[in-house]
Amino acid sequence: MAMSKFELDISYGQIAVFDPSLENPFNDWSERHNQQGFSWRWGSVSFATIENAGVMKISVVSSDKFCQDDQAVRVIRVPFSVPEAGQIEVASIADSVLVELPCGEYSLYFEHMILGVDRVMFSNLSFVRQSEEPGVLLADDLLSPELPLLMEAVPG
């Protein structure tokens, strides 16, 4: 199980995961995207964060099985393809980190939580080698996903 930990300075209430070779990696958001908590297109996904700004502590994991964190308040699963170069980028509007992962097809799980009296944002990005349907597996009060989920976005 490969793991990477880092912090990003979140702005505009989103964190993005994408193929670093994309010319326009960030996605536009429609009202439906806001309701479901993510905006997805092939090679790029943006997840809504509970707080609009602040530091987020992020763990990226590659494994054979997903184990949900008991403290998560939001869990979203989407398909994700890691390119042949074996790198993805995890970014906010102002900050980004390159992460190495084996190329291939994954289910990407975004787990989000806010902990402590100082409301520190955390997220786990789990890349699991099982092909699963996209879904909002755990929704907090800010989400009201409509089925079927909107699995189309345009570059932002």
Foldseek 3Di string as FASTA:
>chain_A
DDKDKDKAWAAQQKKKKFAVVDPQAAFDDDVLCQQAQWAADAGMIMGGAPDRTDMEIEMEEEDADDDDDPQFQWKWKDKYFHDCVQWMWMHHPVDIDIDGHHTDIFIWMWTWHFDDPVGHIYIYTYTHPDDDHIDTPHHHPSHDHDPPRDNHTDRD
